[in-house]
Amino acid sequence: MWEAANTAYAALSLVTEGFIHCSYPDQVGRTATATDRGREGLILLCIEEAGLPVTVEDCYEIGEQYPHIYGPIPTESVVAALPFPASPDGSFALPPNLPG
């Protein structure tokens, strides 16, 4: 996981699907709620995408474009790693005061 990343972070999806799922800021809360409702211990990685192998696509044909990173994320591209707690109802919301 992120805490164990030394020089690069590679989510399990990089092995199982070939890319790391990402979201734009306006998608983060909705996506986390849909996939991880109520989950504890999440960390929100804020990434500077310049120089990363990012492809924007709708892999699941849901009518929405998401950024996917086709390779590990160098730790130097992570500009912030923020605690990302669920609300009491289990939903997630983008934290205030994001970098950048």
PDB file of N, CA and C in Angstrom:
ATOM      1  N   MET A   1       0.826  -1.179   0.000  1.00  0.00           N
ATOM      2  CA  MET A   1       0.000   0.000   0.000  1.00  0.00           C
ATOM      3  C   MET A   1       0.876   1.250   0.000  1.00  0.00           C
ATOM      4  N   TRP A   2       0.236   2.401   0.096  1.00  0.00           N
ATOM      5  CA  TRP A   2       0.977   3.662   0.023  1.00  0.00           C
ATOM      6  C   TRP A   2       2.076   3.745   1.076  1.00  0.00           C
ATOM      7  N   GLU A   3       1.785   3.345   2.311  1.00  0.00           N
ATOM      8  CA  GLU A   3       2.758   3.448   3.394  1.00  0.00           C
ATOM      9  C   GLU A   3       4.025   2.656   3.090  1.00  0.00           C
ATOM     10  N   ALA A   4       3.913   1.612   2.322  1.00  0.00           N
ATOM     11  CA  ALA A   4       5.062   0.764   2.007  1.00  0.00           C
ATOM     12  C   ALA A   4       5.791   1.199   0.735  1.00  0.00           C
ATOM     13  N   ALA A   5       5.233   2.194   0.031  1.00  0.00           N
ATOM     14  CA  ALA A   5       5.858   2.644  -1.219  1.00  0.00           C
ATOM     15  C   ALA A   5       7.204   3.282  -0.914  1.00  0.00           C
ATOM     16  N   ASN A   6       8.209   2.833  -1.601  1.00  0.00           N
ATOM     17  CA  ASN A   6       9.550   3.359  -1.400  1.00  0.00           C
ATOM     18  C   ASN A   6       9.832   4.438  -2.440  1.00  0.00           C
ATOM     19  N   THR A   7       9.926   4.057  -3.680  1.00  0.00           N
ATOM     20  CA  THR A   7      10.158   5.024  -4.750  1.00  0.00           C
ATOM     21  C   THR A   7       8.959   5.146  -5.681  1.00  0.00           C
ATOM     22  N   ALA A   8       8.033   4.165  -5.613  1.00  0.00           N
ATOM     23  CA  ALA A   8       6.854   4.196  -6.474  1.00  0.00           C
ATOM     24  C   ALA A   8       5.714   3.430  -5.806  1.00  0.00           C
ATOM     25  N   TYR A   9       4.497   3.845  -6.152  1.00  0.00           N
ATOM     26  CA  TYR A   9       3.284   3.199  -5.647  1.00  0.00           C
ATOM     27  C   TYR A   9       2.631   2.432  -6.782  1.00  0.00           C
ATOM     28  N   ALA A  10       2.279   1.189  -6.511  1.00  0.00           N
ATOM     29  CA  ALA A  10       1.578   0.373  -7.499  1.00  0.00           C
ATOM     30  C   ALA A  10       0.387  -0.291  -6.823  1.00  0.00           C
ATOM     31  N   ALA A  11      -0.796   0.167  -7.150  1.00  0.00           N
ATOM     32  CA  ALA A  11      -2.016  -0.434  -6.612  1.00  0.00           C
ATOM     33  C   ALA A  11      -2.176  -1.848  -7.163  1.00  0.00           C
ATOM     34  N   LEU A  12      -2.912  -2.681  -6.463  1.00  0.00           N
ATOM     35  CA  LEU A  12      -3.160  -4.048  -6.918  1.00  0.00           C
ATOM     36  C   LEU A  12      -3.770  -4.061  -8.320  1.00  0.00           C
ATOM     37  N   SER A  13      -4.580  -3.055  -8.644  1.00  0.00           N
ATOM     38  CA  SER A  13      -5.216  -3.015  -9.969  1.00  0.00           C
ATOM     39  C   SER A  13      -4.197  -2.925 -11.105  1.00  0.00           C
ATOM     40  N   LEU A  14      -2.986  -2.456 -10.821  1.00  0.00           N
ATOM     41  CA  LEU A  14      -1.958  -2.415 -11.858  1.00  0.00           C
ATOM     42  C   LEU A  14      -1.625  -3.831 -12.311  1.00  0.00           C
ATOM     43  N   VAL A  15      -1.639  -4.773 -11.381  1.00  0.00           N
ATOM     44  CA  VAL A  15      -1.384  -6.175 -11.708  1.00  0.00           C
ATOM     45  C   VAL A  15      -2.626  -6.833 -12.284  1.00  0.00           C
ATOM     46  N   THR A  16      -3.773  -6.621 -11.663  1.00  0.00           N
ATOM     47  CA  THR A  16      -4.991  -7.325 -12.069  1.00  0.00           C
ATOM     48  C   THR A  16      -5.667  -6.747 -13.307  1.00  0.00           C
ATOM     49  N   GLU A  17      -5.522  -5.409 -13.521  1.00  0.00           N
ATOM     50  CA  GLU A  17      -6.209  -4.781 -14.654  1.00  0.00           C
ATOM     51  C   GLU A  17      -5.272  -4.051 -15.606  1.00  0.00           C
ATOM     52  N   GLY A  18      -4.024  -3.870 -15.197  1.00  0.00           N
ATOM     53  CA  GLY A  18      -3.057  -3.218 -16.064  1.00  0.00           C
ATOM     54  C   GLY A  18      -2.944  -1.714 -15.892  1.00  0.00           C
ATOM     55  N   PHE A  19      -3.705  -1.147 -14.954  1.00  0.00           N
ATOM     56  CA  PHE A  19      -3.639   0.289 -14.713  1.00  0.00           C
ATOM     57  C   PHE A  19      -4.090   0.600 -13.295  1.00  0.00           C
ATOM     58  N   ILE A  20      -3.796   1.828 -12.846  1.00  0.00           N
ATOM     59  CA  ILE A  20      -4.244   2.301 -11.541  1.00  0.00           C
ATOM     60  C   ILE A  20      -5.435   3.216 -11.763  1.00  0.00           C
ATOM     61  N   HIS A  21      -6.544   2.898 -11.125  1.00  0.00           N
ATOM     62  CA  HIS A  21      -7.750   3.724 -11.225  1.00  0.00           C
ATOM     63  C   HIS A  21      -7.518   5.058 -10.535  1.00  0.00           C
ATOM     64  N   CYS A  22      -7.889   6.140 -11.178  1.00  0.00           N
ATOM     65  CA  CYS A  22      -7.809   7.475 -10.583  1.00  0.00           C
ATOM     66  C   CYS A  22      -9.121   8.197 -10.840  1.00  0.00           C
ATOM     67  N   SER A  23      -9.282   9.327 -10.197  1.00  0.00           N
ATOM     68  CA  SER A  23     -10.475  10.150 -10.388  1.00  0.00           C
ATOM     69  C   SER A  23     -10.071  11.604 -10.414  1.00  0.00           C
ATOM     70  N   TYR A  24     -10.851  12.404 -11.117  1.00  0.00           N
ATOM     71  CA  TYR A  24     -10.702  13.853 -11.049  1.00  0.00           C
ATOM     72  C   TYR A  24     -11.343  14.314  -9.748  1.00  0.00           C
ATOM     73  N   PRO A  25     -10.965  15.508  -9.256  1.00  0.00           N
ATOM     74  CA  PRO A  25     -11.506  15.968  -7.970  1.00  0.00           C
ATOM     75  C   PRO A  25     -13.032  15.886  -7.853  1.00  0.00           C
ATOM     76  N   ASP A  26     -13.754  16.221  -8.912  1.00  0.00           N
ATOM     77  CA  ASP A  26     -15.222  16.184  -8.831  1.00  0.00           C
ATOM     78  C   ASP A  26     -15.782  14.759  -8.821  1.00  0.00           C
ATOM     79  N   GLN A  27     -14.944  13.756  -9.046  1.00  0.00           N
ATOM     80  CA  GLN A  27     -15.376  12.359  -9.063  1.00  0.00           C
ATOM     81  C   GLN A  27     -15.003  11.603  -7.791  1.00  0.00           C
ATOM     82  N   VAL A  28     -14.070  12.145  -7.012  1.00  0.00           N
ATOM     83  CA  VAL A  28     -13.479  11.407  -5.896  1.00  0.00           C
ATOM     84  C   VAL A  28     -14.518  10.917  -4.888  1.00  0.00           C
ATOM     85  N   GLY A  29     -15.320  11.804  -4.352  1.00  0.00           N
ATOM     86  CA  GLY A  29     -16.292  11.415  -3.331  1.00  0.00           C
ATOM     87  C   GLY A  29     -17.279  10.382  -3.832  1.00  0.00           C
ATOM     88  N   ARG A  30     -17.810  10.616  -5.014  1.00  0.00           N
ATOM     89  CA  ARG A  30     -18.794   9.692  -5.606  1.00  0.00           C
ATOM     90  C   ARG A  30     -18.183   8.319  -5.873  1.00  0.00           C
ATOM     91  N   THR A  31     -16.973   8.316  -6.419  1.00  0.00           N
ATOM     92  CA  THR A  31     -16.309   7.048  -6.733  1.00  0.00           C
ATOM     93  C   THR A  31     -15.978   6.276  -5.458  1.00  0.00           C
ATOM     94  N   ALA A  32     -15.410   6.954  -4.469  1.00  0.00           N
ATOM     95  CA  ALA A  32     -15.063   6.277  -3.212  1.00  0.00           C
ATOM     96  C   ALA A  32     -16.310   5.745  -2.511  1.00  0.00           C
ATOM     97  N   THR A  33     -17.390   6.500  -2.546  1.00  0.00           N
ATOM     98  CA  THR A  33     -18.630   6.043  -1.920  1.00  0.00           C
ATOM     99  C   THR A  33     -19.151   4.792  -2.630  1.00  0.00           C
ATOM    100  N   ALA A  34     -19.091   4.789  -3.950  1.00  0.00           N
ATOM    101  CA  ALA A  34     -19.594   3.642  -4.715  1.00  0.00           C
ATOM    102  C   ALA A  34     -18.744   2.390  -4.525  1.00  0.00           C
ATOM    103  N   THR A  35     -17.426   2.565  -4.396  1.00  0.00           N
ATOM    104  CA  THR A  35     -16.549   1.390  -4.338  1.00  0.00           C
ATOM    105  C   THR A  35     -16.111   1.000  -2.931  1.00  0.00           C
ATOM    106  N   ASP A  36     -16.132   1.953  -1.996  1.00  0.00           N
ATOM    107  CA  ASP A  36     -15.567   1.688  -0.670  1.00  0.00           C
ATOM    108  C   ASP A  36     -16.418   2.219   0.479  1.00  0.00           C
ATOM    109  N   ARG A  37     -17.712   2.327   0.287  1.00  0.00           N
ATOM    110  CA  ARG A  37     -18.589   2.902   1.308  1.00  0.00           C
ATOM    111  C   ARG A  37     -18.258   2.368   2.699  1.00  0.00           C
ATOM    112  N   GLY A  38     -17.992   3.305   3.620  1.00  0.00           N
ATOM    113  CA  GLY A  38     -17.750   2.955   5.017  1.00  0.00           C
ATOM    114  C   GLY A  38     -16.383   2.382   5.329  1.00  0.00           C
ATOM    115  N   ARG A  39     -15.563   2.198   4.342  1.00  0.00           N
ATOM    116  CA  ARG A  39     -14.246   1.602   4.571  1.00  0.00           C
ATOM    117  C   ARG A  39     -13.370   2.558   5.371  1.00  0.00           C
ATOM    118  N   GLU A  40     -12.615   2.016   6.284  1.00  0.00           N
ATOM    119  CA  GLU A  40     -11.739   2.826   7.129  1.00  0.00           C
ATOM    120  C   GLU A  40     -10.294   2.731   6.638  1.00  0.00           C
ATOM    121  N   GLY A  41      -9.519   3.739   7.003  1.00  0.00           N
ATOM    122  CA  GLY A  41      -8.095   3.719   6.720  1.00  0.00           C
ATOM    123  C   GLY A  41      -7.699   4.145   5.317  1.00  0.00           C
ATOM    124  N   LEU A  42      -8.616   4.739   4.562  1.00  0.00           N
ATOM    125  CA  LEU A  42      -8.254   5.165   3.210  1.00  0.00           C
ATOM    126  C   LEU A  42      -7.371   6.408   3.245  1.00  0.00           C
ATOM    127  N   ILE A  43      -6.514   6.504   2.260  1.00  0.00           N
ATOM    128  CA  ILE A  43      -5.653   7.662   2.081  1.00  0.00           C
ATOM    129  C   ILE A  43      -5.893   8.186   0.676  1.00  0.00           C
ATOM    130  N   LEU A  44      -6.108   9.482   0.566  1.00  0.00           N
ATOM    131  CA  LEU A  44      -6.316  10.126  -0.723  1.00  0.00           C
ATOM    132  C   LEU A  44      -4.968  10.630  -1.231  1.00  0.00           C
ATOM    133  N   LEU A  45      -4.535  10.101  -2.374  1.00  0.00           N
ATOM    134  CA  LEU A  45      -3.280  10.554  -2.974  1.00  0.00           C
ATOM    135  C   LEU A  45      -3.585  11.644  -3.986  1.00  0.00           C
ATOM    136  N   CYS A  46      -2.969  12.794  -3.799  1.00  0.00           N
ATOM    137  CA  CYS A  46      -3.090  13.903  -4.740  1.00  0.00           C
ATOM    138  C   CYS A  46      -1.862  13.829  -5.639  1.00  0.00           C
ATOM    139  N   ILE A  47      -2.108  13.663  -6.932  1.00  0.00           N
ATOM    140  CA  ILE A  47      -1.033  13.333  -7.869  1.00  0.00           C
ATOM    141  C   ILE A  47      -0.814  14.455  -8.872  1.00  0.00           C
ATOM    142  N   GLU A  48       0.436  14.767  -9.114  1.00  0.00           N
ATOM    143  CA  GLU A  48       0.813  15.650 -10.218  1.00  0.00           C
ATOM    144  C   GLU A  48       1.022  14.733 -11.415  1.00  0.00           C
ATOM    145  N   GLU A  49       0.142  14.829 -12.399  1.00  0.00           N
ATOM    146  CA  GLU A  49       0.152  13.860 -13.487  1.00  0.00           C
ATOM    147  C   GLU A  49       1.177  14.125 -14.586  1.00  0.00           C
ATOM    148  N   ALA A  50       1.821  15.271 -14.563  1.00  0.00           N
ATOM    149  CA  ALA A  50       2.819  15.578 -15.600  1.00  0.00           C
ATOM    150  C   ALA A  50       3.885  14.488 -15.642  1.00  0.00           C
ATOM    151  N   GLY A  51       4.104  13.951 -16.818  1.00  0.00           N
ATOM    152  CA  GLY A  51       5.128  12.930 -17.009  1.00  0.00           C
ATOM    153  C   GLY A  51       4.686  11.507 -16.718  1.00  0.00           C
ATOM    154  N   LEU A  52       3.453  11.338 -16.216  1.00  0.00           N
ATOM    155  CA  LEU A  52       2.962   9.991 -15.927  1.00  0.00           C
ATOM    156  C   LEU A  52       2.227   9.424 -17.146  1.00  0.00           C
ATOM    157  N   PRO A  53       2.198   8.097 -17.280  1.00  0.00           N
ATOM    158  CA  PRO A  53       1.484   7.484 -18.394  1.00  0.00           C
ATOM    159  C   PRO A  53      -0.028   7.448 -18.135  1.00  0.00           C
ATOM    160  N   VAL A  54      -0.662   8.629 -18.241  1.00  0.00           N
ATOM    161  CA  VAL A  54      -2.091   8.766 -17.954  1.00  0.00           C
ATOM    162  C   VAL A  54      -2.886   8.657 -19.253  1.00  0.00           C
ATOM    163  N   THR A  55      -3.937   7.871 -19.206  1.00  0.00           N
ATOM    164  CA  THR A  55      -4.889   7.779 -20.310  1.00  0.00           C
ATOM    165  C   THR A  55      -6.263   8.057 -19.727  1.00  0.00           C
ATOM    166  N   VAL A  56      -7.003   8.935 -20.370  1.00  0.00           N
ATOM    167  CA  VAL A  56      -8.361   9.250 -19.924  1.00  0.00           C
ATOM    168  C   VAL A  56      -9.310   8.428 -20.786  1.00  0.00           C
ATOM    169  N   GLU A  57     -10.139   7.628 -20.106  1.00  0.00           N
ATOM    170  CA  GLU A  57     -11.015   6.721 -20.860  1.00  0.00           C
ATOM    171  C   GLU A  57     -12.218   6.301 -20.042  1.00  0.00           C
ATOM    172  N   ASP A  58     -13.166   5.739 -20.733  1.00  0.00           N
ATOM    173  CA  ASP A  58     -14.373   5.178 -20.138  1.00  0.00           C
ATOM    174  C   ASP A  58     -14.293   3.665 -20.322  1.00  0.00           C
ATOM    175  N   CYS A  59     -13.519   3.025 -19.457  1.00  0.00           N
ATOM    176  CA  CYS A  59     -13.268   1.577 -19.596  1.00  0.00           C
ATOM    177  C   CYS A  59     -14.526   0.732 -19.428  1.00  0.00           C
ATOM    178  N   TYR A  60     -15.460   1.213 -18.646  1.00  0.00           N
ATOM    179  CA  TYR A  60     -16.632   0.397 -18.333  1.00  0.00           C
ATOM    180  C   TYR A  60     -17.882   0.883 -19.044  1.00  0.00           C
ATOM    181  N   GLU A  61     -17.689   1.792 -20.003  1.00  0.00           N
ATOM    182  CA  GLU A  61     -18.783   2.310 -20.819  1.00  0.00           C
ATOM    183  C   GLU A  61     -19.951   2.802 -19.976  1.00  0.00           C
ATOM    184  N   ILE A  62     -19.620   3.651 -18.986  1.00  0.00           N
ATOM    185  CA  ILE A  62     -20.656   4.222 -18.119  1.00  0.00           C
ATOM    186  C   ILE A  62     -20.935   5.674 -18.478  1.00  0.00           C
ATOM    187  N   GLY A  63     -20.270   6.162 -19.523  1.00  0.00           N
ATOM    188  CA  GLY A  63     -20.509   7.520 -19.982  1.00  0.00           C
ATOM    189  C   GLY A  63     -19.727   8.578 -19.232  1.00  0.00           C
ATOM    190  N   GLU A  64     -18.667   8.171 -18.551  1.00  0.00           N
ATOM    191  CA  GLU A  64     -17.845   9.129 -17.817  1.00  0.00           C
ATOM    192  C   GLU A  64     -16.372   8.791 -18.021  1.00  0.00           C
ATOM    193  N   GLN A  65     -15.582   9.819 -18.256  1.00  0.00           N
ATOM    194  CA  GLN A  65     -14.157   9.660 -18.485  1.00  0.00           C
ATOM    195  C   GLN A  65     -13.395   9.706 -17.162  1.00  0.00           C
ATOM    196  N   TYR A  66     -12.505   8.756 -16.958  1.00  0.00           N
ATOM    197  CA  TYR A  66     -11.671   8.690 -15.757  1.00  0.00           C
ATOM    198  C   TYR A  66     -10.212   8.583 -16.169  1.00  0.00           C
ATOM    199  N   PRO A  67      -9.314   9.193 -15.393  1.00  0.00           N
ATOM    200  CA  PRO A  67      -7.889   9.024 -15.678  1.00  0.00           C
ATOM    201  C   PRO A  67      -7.397   7.678 -15.132  1.00  0.00           C
ATOM    202  N   HIS A  68      -6.617   7.003 -15.932  1.00  0.00           N
ATOM    203  CA  HIS A  68      -5.995   5.747 -15.524  1.00  0.00           C
ATOM    204  C   HIS A  68      -4.499   5.886 -15.751  1.00  0.00           C
ATOM    205  N   ILE A  69      -3.725   5.388 -14.815  1.00  0.00           N
ATOM    206  CA  ILE A  69      -2.276   5.462 -14.931  1.00  0.00           C
ATOM    207  C   ILE A  69      -1.747   4.067 -15.242  1.00  0.00           C
ATOM    208  N   TYR A  70      -1.088   3.947 -16.392  1.00  0.00           N
ATOM    209  CA  TYR A  70      -0.582   2.675 -16.873  1.00  0.00           C
ATOM    210  C   TYR A  70       0.874   2.482 -16.464  1.00  0.00           C
ATOM    211  N   GLY A  71       1.069   2.360 -15.175  1.00  0.00           N
ATOM    212  CA  GLY A  71       2.393   2.136 -14.629  1.00  0.00           C
ATOM    213  C   GLY A  71       2.402   2.575 -13.177  1.00  0.00           C
ATOM    214  N   PRO A  72       3.461   2.275 -12.453  1.00  0.00           N
ATOM    215  CA  PRO A  72       3.548   2.715 -11.059  1.00  0.00           C
ATOM    216  C   PRO A  72       3.641   4.239 -10.986  1.00  0.00           C
ATOM    217  N   ILE A  73       3.192   4.792  -9.878  1.00  0.00           N
ATOM    218  CA  ILE A  73       3.246   6.229  -9.643  1.00  0.00           C
ATOM    219  C   ILE A  73       4.491   6.524  -8.811  1.00  0.00           C
ATOM    220  N   PRO A  74       5.455   7.269  -9.361  1.00  0.00           N
ATOM    221  CA  PRO A  74       6.627   7.622  -8.553  1.00  0.00           C
ATOM    222  C   PRO A  74       6.183   8.417  -7.320  1.00  0.00           C
ATOM    223  N   THR A  75       6.764   8.130  -6.176  1.00  0.00           N
ATOM    224  CA  THR A  75       6.361   8.829  -4.953  1.00  0.00           C
ATOM    225  C   THR A  75       6.576  10.333  -5.090  1.00  0.00           C
ATOM    226  N   GLU A  76       7.509  10.762  -5.911  1.00  0.00           N
ATOM    227  CA  GLU A  76       7.729  12.200  -6.100  1.00  0.00           C
ATOM    228  C   GLU A  76       6.576  12.873  -6.848  1.00  0.00           C
ATOM    229  N   SER A  77       5.711  12.092  -7.508  1.00  0.00           N
ATOM    230  CA  SER A  77       4.532  12.649  -8.193  1.00  0.00           C
ATOM    231  C   SER A  77       3.353  12.831  -7.253  1.00  0.00           C
ATOM    232  N   VAL A  78       3.457  12.304  -6.035  1.00  0.00           N
ATOM    233  CA  VAL A  78       2.387  12.444  -5.047  1.00  0.00           C
ATOM    234  C   VAL A  78       2.661  13.717  -4.259  1.00  0.00           C
ATOM    235  N   VAL A  79       1.820  14.729  -4.474  1.00  0.00           N
ATOM    236  CA  VAL A  79       2.037  16.030  -3.820  1.00  0.00           C
ATOM    237  C   VAL A  79       1.414  16.086  -2.429  1.00  0.00           C
ATOM    238  N   ALA A  80       0.499  15.162  -2.140  1.00  0.00           N
ATOM    239  CA  ALA A  80      -0.087  15.073  -0.800  1.00  0.00           C
ATOM    240  C   ALA A  80      -0.714  13.692  -0.628  1.00  0.00           C
ATOM    241  N   ALA A  81      -0.632  13.181   0.585  1.00  0.00           N
ATOM    242  CA  ALA A  81      -1.296  11.925   0.977  1.00  0.00           C
ATOM    243  C   ALA A  81      -2.127  12.281   2.200  1.00  0.00           C
ATOM    244  N   LEU A  82      -3.435  12.353   2.019  1.00  0.00           N
ATOM    245  CA  LEU A  82      -4.333  12.857   3.052  1.00  0.00           C
ATOM    246  C   LEU A  82      -5.216  11.766   3.631  1.00  0.00           C
ATOM    247  N   PRO A  83      -5.453  11.778   4.935  1.00  0.00           N
ATOM    248  CA  PRO A  83      -6.434  10.855   5.500  1.00  0.00           C
ATOM    249  C   PRO A  83      -7.773  11.086   4.790  1.00  0.00           C
ATOM    250  N   PHE A  84      -8.483  10.014   4.516  1.00  0.00           N
ATOM    251  CA  PHE A  84      -9.735  10.116   3.759  1.00  0.00           C
ATOM    252  C   PHE A  84     -10.824   9.326   4.489  1.00  0.00           C
ATOM    253  N   PRO A  85     -11.293   9.861   5.616  1.00  0.00           N
ATOM    254  CA  PRO A  85     -12.296   9.132   6.403  1.00  0.00           C
ATOM    255  C   PRO A  85     -13.687   9.216   5.794  1.00  0.00           C
ATOM    256  N   ALA A  86     -14.466   8.192   6.057  1.00  0.00           N
ATOM    257  CA  ALA A  86     -15.870   8.183   5.630  1.00  0.00           C
ATOM    258  C   ALA A  86     -16.691   9.035   6.585  1.00  0.00           C
ATOM    259  N   SER A  87     -17.761   9.596   6.071  1.00  0.00           N
ATOM    260  CA  SER A  87     -18.739  10.303   6.904  1.00  0.00           C
ATOM    261  C   SER A  87     -19.492   9.278   7.740  1.00  0.00           C
ATOM    262  N   PRO A  88     -20.251   9.711   8.754  1.00  0.00           N
ATOM    263  CA  PRO A  88     -21.002   8.752   9.573  1.00  0.00           C
ATOM    264  C   PRO A  88     -21.925   7.830   8.763  1.00  0.00           C
ATOM    265  N   ASP A  89     -22.427   8.320   7.627  1.00  0.00           N
ATOM    266  CA  ASP A  89     -23.309   7.473   6.808  1.00  0.00           C
ATOM    267  C   ASP A  89     -22.538   6.568   5.857  1.00  0.00           C
ATOM    268  N   GLY A  90     -21.196   6.614   5.918  1.00  0.00           N
ATOM    269  CA  GLY A  90     -20.365   5.752   5.086  1.00  0.00           C
ATOM    270  C   GLY A  90     -19.932   6.370   3.772  1.00  0.00           C
ATOM    271  N   SER A  91     -20.472   7.530   3.432  1.00  0.00           N
ATOM    272  CA  SER A  91     -20.104   8.182   2.177  1.00  0.00           C
ATOM    273  C   SER A  91     -18.796   8.946   2.335  1.00  0.00           C
ATOM    274  N   PHE A  92     -18.254   9.365   1.223  1.00  0.00           N
ATOM    275  CA  PHE A  92     -16.995  10.112   1.202  1.00  0.00           C
ATOM    276  C   PHE A  92     -17.210  11.449   0.513  1.00  0.00           C
ATOM    277  N   ALA A  93     -16.465  12.455   0.945  1.00  0.00           N
ATOM    278  CA  ALA A  93     -16.482  13.770   0.323  1.00  0.00           C
ATOM    279  C   ALA A  93     -15.049  14.257   0.179  1.00  0.00           C
ATOM    280  N   LEU A  94     -14.809  14.993  -0.875  1.00  0.00           N
ATOM    281  CA  LEU A  94     -13.477  15.542  -1.104  1.00  0.00           C
ATOM    282  C   LEU A  94     -13.103  16.449   0.053  1.00  0.00           C
ATOM    283  N   PRO A  95     -11.935  16.260   0.652  1.00  0.00           N
ATOM    284  CA  PRO A  95     -11.530  17.122   1.749  1.00  0.00           C
ATOM    285  C   PRO A  95     -11.310  18.566   1.289  1.00  0.00           C
ATOM    286  N   PRO A  96     -11.509  19.526   2.167  1.00  0.00           N
ATOM    287  CA  PRO A  96     -11.223  20.918   1.793  1.00  0.00           C
ATOM    288  C   PRO A  96      -9.710  21.148   1.759  1.00  0.00           C
ATOM    289  N   ASN A  97      -9.321  22.234   1.174  1.00  0.00           N
ATOM    290  CA  ASN A  97      -7.916  22.655   1.164  1.00  0.00           C
ATOM    291  C   ASN A  97      -6.964  21.667   0.490  1.00  0.00           C
ATOM    292  N   LEU A  98      -7.352  21.168  -0.667  1.00  0.00           N
ATOM    293  CA  LEU A  98      -6.454  20.283  -1.413  1.00  0.00           C
ATOM    294  C   LEU A  98      -5.303  21.106  -1.995  1.00  0.00           C
ATOM    295  N   PRO A  99      -4.134  20.491  -2.116  1.00  0.00           N
ATOM    296  CA  PRO A  99      -3.004  21.214  -2.713  1.00  0.00           C
ATOM    297  C   PRO A  99      -3.259  21.489  -4.195  1.00  0.00           C
ATOM    298  N   GLY A 100      -2.635  22.548  -4.685  1.00  0.00           N
ATOM    299  CA  GLY A 100      -2.675  22.848  -6.094  1.00  0.00           C
ATOM    300  C   GLY A 100      -3.845  23.612  -6.495  1.00  0.00           C
TER     301      GLY A 100
END
